[in-house]
Amino acid sequence: MSANSPDGPRKLDVVLVKAGRTKIRYAAELLGDDGTRVVVRAPWAGDGVRDFGFVRFEKGDVFTEYYWRDRWYAVKEVRDLEGTLKGWYCDVTRPATLSGTELVVEDLDLDLWRSADGTDVLRLDEDEFAESALTATDPAAAAAAGAALDELESLAREGGFDALLA
């Protein structure tokens, strides 16, 4: 699939689902789809500023997002308005599905942050994951989610995501 049509860049909606409900939907530009990995770019889709303490997402930030049909995570490169790299926000998810103009991703509560300089690698929301009861309702998915977070942390600590995203 070509990311661009004769009419210009192809647009699609990224739909993040959590616990069976749409958490957020936002428009993105399709940059590429090789059949396994889908790459999109989108401006910060949140309302106003979101300050996590270790990073602030705000108007003007641009996310280049990498989703896989065969991996249990997504990696999002975050840059500010001037193009300066802030870092990478990673979501543990079920493998993504692209249907028509919707890229659907099911969030499994676990996240990871790696700062631009690599000094901060933070596992996030493990308490939410524990409270989600996924280990009881879908033990195989829970195991895959835990393994995905471990893989992301290993990549983040061993030099980053460059090889993965190339």
C-alpha atoms as a PDB file:
ATOM      1  CA  MET A   1       0.000   0.000   0.000  1.00  0.00           C
ATOM      2  CA  SER A   2       1.321   3.371  -0.946  1.00  0.00           C
ATOM      3  CA  ALA A   3       1.291   6.031   1.736  1.00  0.00           C
ATOM      4  CA  ASN A   4       0.551   8.733  -0.805  1.00  0.00           C
ATOM      5  CA  SER A   5      -2.084   8.853  -3.496  1.00  0.00           C
ATOM      6  CA  PRO A   6      -2.061  11.112  -6.551  1.00  0.00           C
ATOM      7  CA  ASP A   7      -4.276  13.429  -4.486  1.00  0.00           C
ATOM      8  CA  GLY A   8      -1.658  13.797  -1.729  1.00  0.00           C
ATOM      9  CA  PRO A   9      -0.865  12.068   1.565  1.00  0.00           C
ATOM     10  CA  ARG A  10      -3.261   9.364   2.674  1.00  0.00           C
ATOM     11  CA  LYS A  11      -5.136  10.165   5.871  1.00  0.00           C
ATOM     12  CA  LEU A  12      -6.461   7.685   8.374  1.00  0.00           C
ATOM     13  CA  ASP A  13      -7.884   7.653  11.874  1.00  0.00           C
ATOM     14  CA  VAL A  14      -5.944   6.098  14.719  1.00  0.00           C
ATOM     15  CA  VAL A  15      -8.424   4.557  17.144  1.00  0.00           C
ATOM     16  CA  LEU A  16      -7.070   3.679  20.585  1.00  0.00           C
ATOM     17  CA  VAL A  17      -9.390   1.241  22.346  1.00  0.00           C
ATOM     18  CA  LYS A  18      -9.246   0.427  26.045  1.00  0.00           C
ATOM     19  CA  ALA A  19     -11.514  -2.042  27.864  1.00  0.00           C
ATOM     20  CA  GLY A  20     -13.688  -2.365  24.767  1.00  0.00           C
ATOM     21  CA  ARG A  21     -14.347   1.385  24.398  1.00  0.00           C
ATOM     22  CA  THR A  22     -12.751   4.049  22.237  1.00  0.00           C
ATOM     23  CA  LYS A  23     -10.332   5.998  24.427  1.00  0.00           C
ATOM     24  CA  ILE A  24      -9.250   8.441  21.710  1.00  0.00           C
ATOM     25  CA  ARG A  25      -9.579   8.832  17.950  1.00  0.00           C
ATOM     26  CA  TYR A  26      -7.406  11.193  15.947  1.00  0.00           C
ATOM     27  CA  ALA A  27      -6.466  11.923  12.356  1.00  0.00           C
ATOM     28  CA  ALA A  28      -3.013  10.935  11.148  1.00  0.00           C
ATOM     29  CA  GLU A  29      -1.033  10.945   7.918  1.00  0.00           C
ATOM     30  CA  LEU A  30      -0.009   7.504   6.698  1.00  0.00           C
ATOM     31  CA  LEU A  31       3.746   7.535   6.082  1.00  0.00           C
ATOM     32  CA  GLY A  32       4.142   3.871   5.241  1.00  0.00           C
ATOM     33  CA  ASP A  33       2.757   0.354   5.430  1.00  0.00           C
ATOM     34  CA  ASP A  34       4.987  -2.595   4.547  1.00  0.00           C
ATOM     35  CA  GLY A  35       2.349  -5.194   5.428  1.00  0.00           C
ATOM     36  CA  THR A  36       3.732  -5.711   8.941  1.00  0.00           C
ATOM     37  CA  ARG A  37       4.474  -2.220  10.230  1.00  0.00           C
ATOM     38  CA  VAL A  38       2.291   0.861   9.801  1.00  0.00           C
ATOM     39  CA  VAL A  39       3.869   4.299  10.305  1.00  0.00           C
ATOM     40  CA  VAL A  40       1.812   7.447  10.803  1.00  0.00           C
ATOM     41  CA  ARG A  41       2.451  11.041  11.810  1.00  0.00           C
ATOM     42  CA  ALA A  42       0.049  13.132  13.844  1.00  0.00           C
ATOM     43  CA  PRO A  43       0.051  16.274  15.951  1.00  0.00           C
ATOM     44  CA  TRP A  44      -0.513  15.938  19.693  1.00  0.00           C
ATOM     45  CA  ALA A  45      -4.147  14.884  19.928  1.00  0.00           C
ATOM     46  CA  GLY A  46      -4.745  15.641  23.585  1.00  0.00           C
ATOM     47  CA  ASP A  47      -6.581  18.565  25.059  1.00  0.00           C
ATOM     48  CA  GLY A  48      -4.121  21.231  26.120  1.00  0.00           C
ATOM     49  CA  VAL A  49      -0.926  20.319  27.955  1.00  0.00           C
ATOM     50  CA  ARG A  50      -0.349  16.915  29.529  1.00  0.00           C
ATOM     51  CA  ASP A  51       2.485  17.103  32.058  1.00  0.00           C
ATOM     52  CA  PHE A  52       3.692  13.691  33.200  1.00  0.00           C
ATOM     53  CA  GLY A  53       6.513  15.142  35.290  1.00  0.00           C
ATOM     54  CA  PHE A  54       9.167  13.532  33.094  1.00  0.00           C
ATOM     55  CA  VAL A  55       7.804  15.022  29.817  1.00  0.00           C
ATOM     56  CA  ARG A  56       5.167  17.517  28.706  1.00  0.00           C
ATOM     57  CA  PHE A  57       3.011  16.894  25.653  1.00  0.00           C
ATOM     58  CA  GLU A  58       1.610  20.109  24.269  1.00  0.00           C
ATOM     59  CA  LYS A  59       0.195  21.816  21.201  1.00  0.00           C
ATOM     60  CA  GLY A  60       2.730  21.716  18.381  1.00  0.00           C
ATOM     61  CA  ASP A  61       4.259  18.384  19.388  1.00  0.00           C
ATOM     62  CA  VAL A  62       4.441  15.887  16.540  1.00  0.00           C
ATOM     63  CA  PHE A  63       4.237  12.135  17.023  1.00  0.00           C
ATOM     64  CA  THR A  64       5.678   9.711  14.466  1.00  0.00           C
ATOM     65  CA  GLU A  65       4.005   6.461  15.471  1.00  0.00           C
ATOM     66  CA  TYR A  66       5.069   2.916  14.616  1.00  0.00           C
ATOM     67  CA  TYR A  67       2.514   0.110  14.894  1.00  0.00           C
ATOM     68  CA  TRP A  68       2.984  -3.575  14.157  1.00  0.00           C
ATOM     69  CA  ARG A  69       0.528  -6.246  13.107  1.00  0.00           C
ATOM     70  CA  ASP A  70       2.722  -8.904  14.730  1.00  0.00           C
ATOM     71  CA  ARG A  71       4.044  -7.200  17.883  1.00  0.00           C
ATOM     72  CA  TRP A  72       2.386  -6.306  21.156  1.00  0.00           C
ATOM     73  CA  TYR A  73       3.491  -2.673  21.257  1.00  0.00           C
ATOM     74  CA  ALA A  74       3.625   0.682  19.505  1.00  0.00           C
ATOM     75  CA  VAL A  75       6.540   3.127  19.598  1.00  0.00           C
ATOM     76  CA  LYS A  76       5.909   6.860  19.267  1.00  0.00           C
ATOM     77  CA  GLU A  77       8.721   9.290  18.572  1.00  0.00           C
ATOM     78  CA  VAL A  78       7.835  12.677  20.071  1.00  0.00           C
ATOM     79  CA  ARG A  79       9.225  15.976  18.789  1.00  0.00           C
ATOM     80  CA  ASP A  80       8.398  19.525  19.786  1.00  0.00           C
ATOM     81  CA  LEU A  81       7.219  22.316  17.474  1.00  0.00           C
ATOM     82  CA  GLU A  82      10.804  23.109  16.428  1.00  0.00           C
ATOM     83  CA  GLY A  83      11.570  19.449  15.675  1.00  0.00           C
ATOM     84  CA  THR A  84      13.673  18.762  18.755  1.00  0.00           C
ATOM     85  CA  LEU A  85      13.369  15.169  19.926  1.00  0.00           C
ATOM     86  CA  LYS A  86      11.707  14.839  23.340  1.00  0.00           C
ATOM     87  CA  GLY A  87      11.836  11.046  23.469  1.00  0.00           C
ATOM     88  CA  TRP A  88       9.812   7.933  22.801  1.00  0.00           C
ATOM     89  CA  TYR A  89       6.503   6.984  24.369  1.00  0.00           C
ATOM     90  CA  CYS A  90       5.720   3.292  23.978  1.00  0.00           C
ATOM     91  CA  ASP A  91       2.336   1.653  24.454  1.00  0.00           C
ATOM     92  CA  VAL A  92       1.895  -2.046  25.125  1.00  0.00           C
ATOM     93  CA  THR A  93      -0.996  -3.070  22.883  1.00  0.00           C
ATOM     94  CA  ARG A  94      -2.452  -5.992  21.061  1.00  0.00           C
ATOM     95  CA  PRO A  95      -1.167  -6.138  17.464  1.00  0.00           C
ATOM     96  CA  ALA A  96      -2.647  -3.313  15.388  1.00  0.00           C
ATOM     97  CA  THR A  97      -5.265  -3.805  12.701  1.00  0.00           C
ATOM     98  CA  LEU A  98      -5.786  -1.572   9.685  1.00  0.00           C
ATOM     99  CA  SER A  99      -9.248  -1.697   8.192  1.00  0.00           C
ATOM    100  CA  GLY A 100     -10.065   0.821   5.501  1.00  0.00           C
ATOM    101  CA  THR A 101      -9.096   4.186   6.944  1.00  0.00           C
ATOM    102  CA  GLU A 102      -8.993   3.081  10.603  1.00  0.00           C
ATOM    103  CA  LEU A 103      -5.905   1.877  12.419  1.00  0.00           C
ATOM    104  CA  VAL A 104      -7.279   0.196  15.547  1.00  0.00           C
ATOM    105  CA  VAL A 105      -5.038  -0.435  18.530  1.00  0.00           C
ATOM    106  CA  GLU A 106      -6.088  -1.971  21.856  1.00  0.00           C
ATOM    107  CA  ASP A 107      -4.226  -0.410  24.792  1.00  0.00           C
ATOM    108  CA  LEU A 108      -3.217  -2.898  27.509  1.00  0.00           C
ATOM    109  CA  ASP A 109      -2.341  -0.291  30.173  1.00  0.00           C
ATOM    110  CA  LEU A 110       1.443  -0.790  30.221  1.00  0.00           C
ATOM    111  CA  ASP A 111       3.665   2.000  28.886  1.00  0.00           C
ATOM    112  CA  LEU A 112       7.328   2.933  28.705  1.00  0.00           C
ATOM    113  CA  TRP A 113       9.086   6.281  28.307  1.00  0.00           C
ATOM    114  CA  ARG A 114      12.648   6.798  27.044  1.00  0.00           C
ATOM    115  CA  SER A 115      13.998  10.340  27.094  1.00  0.00           C
ATOM    116  CA  ALA A 116      15.831  11.705  24.042  1.00  0.00           C
ATOM    117  CA  ASP A 117      19.224  11.367  25.725  1.00  0.00           C
ATOM    118  CA  GLY A 118      18.440   7.915  27.104  1.00  0.00           C
ATOM    119  CA  THR A 119      18.988   8.873  30.738  1.00  0.00           C
ATOM    120  CA  ASP A 120      15.367   8.169  31.667  1.00  0.00           C
ATOM    121  CA  VAL A 121      13.786   4.802  30.936  1.00  0.00           C
ATOM    122  CA  LEU A 122      10.549   4.518  32.881  1.00  0.00           C
ATOM    123  CA  ARG A 123       8.055   1.663  33.094  1.00  0.00           C
ATOM    124  CA  LEU A 124       4.612   3.196  33.511  1.00  0.00           C
ATOM    125  CA  ASP A 125       1.130   2.179  34.620  1.00  0.00           C
ATOM    126  CA  GLU A 126       2.008  -1.261  35.973  1.00  0.00           C
ATOM    127  CA  ASP A 127      -0.529  -0.616  38.734  1.00  0.00           C
ATOM    128  CA  GLU A 128      -3.290  -0.032  36.151  1.00  0.00           C
ATOM    129  CA  PHE A 129      -2.289  -3.241  34.387  1.00  0.00           C
ATOM    130  CA  ALA A 130      -2.517  -5.190  37.645  1.00  0.00           C
ATOM    131  CA  GLU A 131      -5.966  -3.718  38.313  1.00  0.00           C
ATOM    132  CA  SER A 132      -7.208  -4.542  34.792  1.00  0.00           C
ATOM    133  CA  ALA A 133      -7.637  -8.259  35.628  1.00  0.00           C
ATOM    134  CA  LEU A 134      -6.185  -9.227  32.241  1.00  0.00           C
ATOM    135  CA  THR A 135      -4.109 -11.923  33.942  1.00  0.00           C
ATOM    136  CA  ALA A 136      -7.347 -13.627  34.991  1.00  0.00           C
ATOM    137  CA  THR A 137      -9.463 -12.973  31.891  1.00  0.00           C
ATOM    138  CA  ASP A 138      -6.798 -13.530  29.214  1.00  0.00           C
ATOM    139  CA  PRO A 139      -3.596 -15.005  30.678  1.00  0.00           C
ATOM    140  CA  ALA A 140      -1.954 -15.417  27.261  1.00  0.00           C
ATOM    141  CA  ALA A 141      -2.485 -11.726  26.436  1.00  0.00           C
ATOM    142  CA  ALA A 142      -1.221 -10.723  29.885  1.00  0.00           C
ATOM    143  CA  ALA A 143       1.948 -12.773  29.349  1.00  0.00           C
ATOM    144  CA  ALA A 144       2.446 -11.254  25.889  1.00  0.00           C
ATOM    145  CA  ALA A 145       1.969  -7.762  27.357  1.00  0.00           C
ATOM    146  CA  GLY A 146       4.548  -8.371  30.082  1.00  0.00           C
ATOM    147  CA  ALA A 147       7.030  -9.751  27.552  1.00  0.00           C
ATOM    148  CA  ALA A 148       6.439  -6.733  25.292  1.00  0.00           C
ATOM    149  CA  LEU A 149       7.184  -4.295  28.117  1.00  0.00           C
ATOM    150  CA  ASP A 150      10.368  -6.211  28.961  1.00  0.00           C
ATOM    151  CA  GLU A 151      11.430  -6.113  25.292  1.00  0.00           C
ATOM    152  CA  LEU A 152      10.785  -2.373  25.062  1.00  0.00           C
ATOM    153  CA  GLU A 153      12.763  -1.726  28.233  1.00  0.00           C
ATOM    154  CA  SER A 154      15.663  -3.810  26.949  1.00  0.00           C
ATOM    155  CA  LEU A 155      15.697  -1.926  23.632  1.00  0.00           C
ATOM    156  CA  ALA A 156      15.481   1.425  25.431  1.00  0.00           C
ATOM    157  CA  ARG A 157      18.371   0.612  27.773  1.00  0.00           C
ATOM    158  CA  GLU A 158      20.565  -0.919  25.059  1.00  0.00           C
ATOM    159  CA  GLY A 159      20.761   2.144  22.876  1.00  0.00           C
ATOM    160  CA  GLY A 160      17.233   3.007  21.847  1.00  0.00           C
ATOM    161  CA  PHE A 161      14.862   2.251  19.046  1.00  0.00           C
ATOM    162  CA  ASP A 162      16.849   3.253  15.957  1.00  0.00           C
ATOM    163  CA  ALA A 163      17.302  -0.290  14.599  1.00  0.00           C
ATOM    164  CA  LEU A 164      13.672  -1.155  15.322  1.00  0.00           C
ATOM    165  CA  LEU A 165      12.338   1.934  13.572  1.00  0.00           C
ATOM    166  CA  ALA A 166      14.723   1.968  10.577  1.00  0.00           C
END
